[in-house]
Amino acid sequence: MNIRDYIKSNFVVVGHRGLPSEYVENTIESFENAFKFTDIVELDVHLSSDNEVYIIHDFNLNRLASIDKDIENIESAEIDRIMVRGQNIPKLRDLFKLFRDKYFLVELKTVHDDGYLVKNELTKYTLQVVESMGMEDHVCIISFDPYALRRAGELSRTIMLGFDYDQHSEKYIGKIDCKDLKSMGVSLFLPEYKKEYMKKFKEIQDDGYFVVPWTVDREEDGVFIANSGLNGYITNMVDRMSKLSR
């Protein structure tokens, strides 16, 4: 089953960076344990200075590894020696090798926290990894960056695309409607969850898009979203939240 059909036929509870409430985020251990409760996870990717795709959220390694360097400025040989709270920073290809039958929302980290775009070839090299590993049917490429998504669509006519959106997105690029989603070629909309926006989420879904909000960690919100008819949600606590939809 490809990822489109998987999302269409299931209420998906997506492990956000794996299972970070119990394990170090975006590590093999975190994903392995998330897959005990779900078949789909979200993860973040960056590009090393020598064009290797790594799974990590932050641009700068200070929070996770106490190293004041941006991962884009480090070669893979050095990154492979860095430990994040006792865990290695995994390569995207290595995760795919271990879990070929699972599903992945792969977020391209090309928009810095300050709003500026990081200009590198992350989109190209991420798609090369996906295609070389034969994972096109199991991956949705997602991003806050419309340009990265359009580039992904140019590089692959078949890969599923999804657009992340939050209050910062509205500040930098304005409000988004279905025409904007269509222009980006996306089929999945991933908005920051706010209960008061549920009517808008449903309108977008009714226009033919999958809608999976984030980050949903309260049980009452999980139940509300499940009862609303949306396609699912992303959570830091997939072990606990996945039980609500069974």
Protein backbone atom coordinates (compact mmCIF):
# COMPACT_ATOMS: atom_id res chain seq x y z
CA MET A 1 0.00 0.00 0.00
CA ASN A 2 1.41 3.42 -0.88
CA ILE A 3 1.40 6.29 1.61
CA ARG A 4 -1.56 8.06 -0.01
CA ASP A 5 -3.73 4.98 0.32
CA TYR A 6 -2.45 4.39 3.84
CA ILE A 7 -3.52 7.87 4.98
CA LYS A 8 -6.79 7.61 3.06
CA SER A 9 -7.77 4.31 4.62
CA ASN A 10 -6.63 4.96 8.21
CA PHE A 11 -6.95 7.53 10.95
CA VAL A 12 -3.22 8.16 11.29
CA VAL A 13 -1.53 8.90 14.61
CA VAL A 14 1.93 10.05 13.55
CA GLY A 15 4.94 9.76 15.84
CA HIS A 16 6.52 13.24 15.94
CA ARG A 17 10.29 12.66 15.68
CA GLY A 18 9.51 9.11 16.77
CA LEU A 19 8.58 8.84 20.44
CA PRO A 20 10.35 11.83 22.04
CA SER A 21 8.36 11.70 25.26
CA GLU A 22 10.35 8.56 26.16
CA TYR A 23 13.44 8.50 23.90
CA VAL A 24 15.86 10.94 22.31
CA GLU A 25 14.07 12.61 19.40
CA ASN A 26 14.90 11.69 15.80
CA THR A 27 17.08 8.72 16.76
CA ILE A 28 16.84 5.10 15.65
CA GLU A 29 15.77 4.16 19.18
CA SER A 30 12.99 6.74 19.12
CA PHE A 31 11.63 5.54 15.76
CA GLU A 32 11.95 1.87 16.64
CA ASN A 33 9.83 2.34 19.74
CA ALA A 34 7.31 4.58 17.97
CA PHE A 35 6.74 1.80 15.44
CA LYS A 36 5.43 -0.38 18.26
CA PHE A 37 2.35 1.85 18.26
CA THR A 38 2.07 3.23 14.71
CA ASP A 39 3.24 2.59 11.17
CA ILE A 40 3.98 6.24 10.37
CA VAL A 41 6.41 8.79 11.80
CA GLU A 42 7.50 12.35 11.11
CA LEU A 43 11.17 13.28 10.99
CA ASP A 44 13.43 16.20 10.08
CA VAL A 45 16.38 16.21 7.71
CA HIS A 46 19.42 18.41 7.16
CA LEU A 47 22.30 18.25 4.71
CA SER A 48 25.92 17.93 5.79
CA SER A 49 28.60 20.02 4.08
CA ASP A 50 29.47 16.98 1.93
CA ASN A 51 25.83 16.32 0.94
CA GLU A 52 24.82 13.47 3.27
CA VAL A 53 21.21 13.59 4.53
CA TYR A 54 20.94 13.38 8.32
CA ILE A 55 17.92 13.12 10.61
CA ILE A 56 17.92 15.94 13.15
CA HIS A 57 15.62 18.85 13.92
CA ASP A 58 17.82 21.79 14.86
CA PHE A 59 20.13 23.69 12.55
CA ASN A 60 22.56 24.34 15.38
CA LEU A 61 23.78 21.42 17.50
CA ASN A 62 23.97 23.35 20.76
CA ARG A 63 20.65 22.22 22.27
CA LEU A 64 21.10 18.54 21.50
CA ALA A 65 24.87 18.03 21.57
CA SER A 66 26.34 21.14 23.26
CA ILE A 67 28.23 21.98 20.05
CA ASP A 68 27.85 25.50 18.70
CA LYS A 69 27.95 24.57 15.03
CA ASP A 70 25.32 24.33 12.29
CA ILE A 71 25.06 20.83 10.87
CA GLU A 72 25.17 22.22 7.31
CA ASN A 73 28.76 23.34 7.98
CA ILE A 74 30.03 19.94 9.18
CA GLU A 75 31.26 16.99 7.11
CA SER A 76 29.65 13.59 7.57
CA ALA A 77 32.78 11.99 9.08
CA GLU A 78 32.57 14.46 11.97
CA ILE A 79 28.79 14.19 12.31
CA ASP A 80 29.07 10.42 12.64
CA ARG A 81 31.19 10.91 15.77
CA ILE A 82 28.76 13.31 17.44
CA MET A 83 26.51 11.89 20.14
CA VAL A 84 23.10 13.35 20.94
CA ARG A 85 22.42 12.38 24.55
CA GLY A 86 24.11 9.05 24.02
CA GLN A 87 22.69 8.40 20.54
CA ASN A 88 24.15 8.83 17.07
CA ILE A 89 22.66 11.24 14.55
CA PRO A 90 21.21 8.80 11.98
CA LYS A 91 21.46 9.06 8.24
CA LEU A 92 18.14 8.96 6.38
CA ARG A 93 19.28 6.00 4.30
CA ASP A 94 20.08 3.98 7.43
CA LEU A 95 16.58 4.50 8.83
CA PHE A 96 15.03 3.34 5.55
CA LYS A 97 17.20 0.20 5.60
CA LEU A 98 15.78 -0.77 8.98
CA PHE A 99 12.10 0.02 8.38
CA ARG A 100 11.34 -0.48 4.71
CA ASP A 101 7.69 -1.39 5.34
CA LYS A 102 6.86 1.74 7.39
CA TYR A 103 5.71 5.21 6.32
CA PHE A 104 7.54 8.52 6.73
CA LEU A 105 6.76 12.24 6.66
CA VAL A 106 10.19 13.66 5.84
CA GLU A 107 10.47 17.37 6.67
CA LEU A 108 13.01 19.37 4.68
CA LYS A 109 14.61 21.84 7.09
CA THR A 110 15.24 24.73 4.74
CA VAL A 111 13.53 27.50 6.71
CA HIS A 112 15.60 28.76 9.62
CA ASP A 113 13.90 29.66 12.90
CA ASP A 114 14.53 33.32 12.03
CA GLY A 115 12.57 32.94 8.80
CA TYR A 116 15.33 33.06 6.21
CA LEU A 117 15.79 30.29 3.65
CA VAL A 118 18.83 28.03 3.81
CA LYS A 119 20.16 27.72 0.28
CA ASN A 120 21.54 24.25 -0.30
CA GLU A 121 20.63 21.08 -2.22
CA LEU A 122 18.77 19.33 0.61
CA THR A 123 15.71 18.74 -1.57
CA LYS A 124 17.71 17.11 -4.35
CA TYR A 125 19.79 14.86 -2.12
CA THR A 126 16.81 13.83 0.02
CA LEU A 127 14.92 12.71 -3.07
CA GLN A 128 18.01 10.85 -4.27
CA VAL A 129 18.06 8.90 -1.00
CA VAL A 130 14.33 8.16 -1.22
CA GLU A 131 14.59 6.95 -4.81
CA SER A 132 17.83 4.99 -4.38
CA MET A 133 16.29 3.14 -1.43
CA GLY A 134 13.07 2.42 -3.36
CA MET A 135 10.96 4.28 -0.78
CA GLU A 136 8.96 6.60 -3.06
CA ASP A 137 5.66 4.91 -2.17
CA HIS A 138 6.34 5.11 1.57
CA VAL A 139 7.46 8.75 1.85
CA CYS A 140 5.74 12.12 1.85
CA ILE A 141 8.12 15.07 1.53
CA ILE A 142 6.93 17.91 3.77
CA SER A 143 8.21 21.43 4.48
CA PHE A 144 7.35 24.92 5.64
CA ASP A 145 9.14 26.10 2.49
CA PRO A 146 6.94 26.40 -0.65
CA TYR A 147 10.04 26.71 -2.82
CA ALA A 148 11.47 23.42 -1.54
CA LEU A 149 8.15 21.69 -2.22
CA ARG A 150 7.95 23.07 -5.75
CA ARG A 151 11.52 21.91 -6.31
CA ALA A 152 10.62 18.43 -5.03
CA GLY A 153 7.68 18.36 -7.43
CA GLU A 154 9.99 19.27 -10.31
CA LEU A 155 12.44 16.51 -9.39
CA SER A 156 9.77 13.84 -8.93
CA ARG A 157 6.32 13.73 -10.51
CA THR A 158 5.17 10.88 -8.27
CA ILE A 159 6.40 11.75 -4.75
CA MET A 160 3.69 12.83 -2.30
CA LEU A 161 4.10 16.36 -0.93
CA GLY A 162 2.83 18.03 2.24
CA PHE A 163 2.85 21.63 3.49
CA ASP A 164 3.61 22.56 7.11
CA TYR A 165 1.98 25.71 8.42
CA ASP A 166 1.99 27.66 11.70
CA GLN A 167 1.76 31.19 13.08
CA HIS A 168 5.26 31.96 11.81
CA SER A 169 4.24 30.86 8.30
CA GLU A 170 1.39 33.34 8.39
CA LYS A 171 3.83 36.06 9.44
CA TYR A 172 6.28 35.35 6.62
CA ILE A 173 4.08 34.22 3.72
CA GLY A 174 0.53 35.16 4.72
CA LYS A 175 -2.67 33.15 4.99
CA ILE A 176 -2.93 29.95 2.95
CA ASP A 177 -5.94 28.71 1.00
CA CYS A 178 -6.58 25.76 -1.30
CA LYS A 179 -5.38 27.65 -4.36
CA ASP A 180 -1.99 28.05 -2.69
CA LEU A 181 -1.85 24.35 -1.82
CA LYS A 182 -2.71 23.46 -5.39
CA SER A 183 0.03 25.73 -6.74
CA MET A 184 2.57 23.90 -4.57
CA GLY A 185 1.35 20.51 -5.78
CA VAL A 186 0.69 19.21 -2.28
CA SER A 187 -1.96 16.73 -1.21
CA LEU A 188 -1.29 16.84 2.57
CA PHE A 189 -1.83 19.91 4.77
CA LEU A 190 -0.10 19.91 8.17
CA PRO A 191 -1.30 22.90 10.21
CA GLU A 192 -0.38 23.78 13.77
CA TYR A 193 -3.34 22.55 15.81
CA LYS A 194 -5.78 25.08 17.23
CA LYS A 195 -9.28 23.97 18.06
CA GLU A 196 -10.78 27.25 16.89
CA TYR A 197 -9.39 26.59 13.39
CA MET A 198 -11.15 23.25 12.99
CA LYS A 199 -13.80 24.68 10.66
CA LYS A 200 -11.08 25.91 8.31
CA PHE A 201 -9.30 22.55 8.50
CA LYS A 202 -12.51 20.78 7.51
CA GLU A 203 -13.06 23.16 4.59
CA ILE A 204 -9.60 22.33 3.27
CA GLN A 205 -10.22 18.62 3.72
CA ASP A 206 -13.56 18.92 1.91
CA ASP A 207 -11.65 20.41 -1.04
CA GLY A 208 -9.80 17.11 -1.40
CA TYR A 209 -6.72 17.50 0.79
CA PHE A 210 -5.54 15.26 3.61
CA VAL A 211 -5.37 17.29 6.85
CA VAL A 212 -3.15 16.15 9.74
CA PRO A 213 -2.55 18.81 12.43
CA TRP A 214 0.32 18.95 14.94
CA THR A 215 1.41 18.70 17.73
CA VAL A 216 -1.42 16.99 19.62
CA ASP A 217 -0.51 15.61 23.05
CA ARG A 218 -3.73 16.03 25.05
CA GLU A 219 -6.18 13.14 25.04
CA GLU A 220 -9.22 15.41 24.76
CA ASP A 221 -7.76 17.01 21.64
CA GLY A 222 -6.97 13.61 20.12
CA VAL A 223 -10.54 12.44 20.68
CA PHE A 224 -11.95 15.70 19.30
CA ILE A 225 -9.88 15.44 16.11
CA ALA A 226 -10.77 11.76 15.64
CA ASN A 227 -14.47 12.58 16.02
CA SER A 228 -14.17 15.54 13.64
CA GLY A 229 -13.33 13.32 10.69
CA LEU A 230 -9.86 14.71 9.94
CA ASN A 231 -7.26 12.27 8.67
CA GLY A 232 -5.21 12.12 11.86
CA TYR A 233 -2.70 14.11 13.89
CA ILE A 234 0.97 14.24 14.85
CA THR A 235 1.94 13.65 18.48
CA ASN A 236 4.97 13.43 20.76
CA MET A 237 3.22 10.66 22.70
CA VAL A 238 2.24 8.11 20.09
CA ASP A 239 2.34 5.31 22.67
CA ARG A 240 -0.49 6.84 24.65
CA MET A 241 -2.36 8.77 21.96
CA SER A 242 -2.58 5.87 19.50
CA LYS A 243 -4.79 3.98 21.94
CA LEU A 244 -7.52 6.61 21.65
CA SER A 245 -8.33 5.76 18.03
CA ARG A 246 -8.43 1.98 18.37
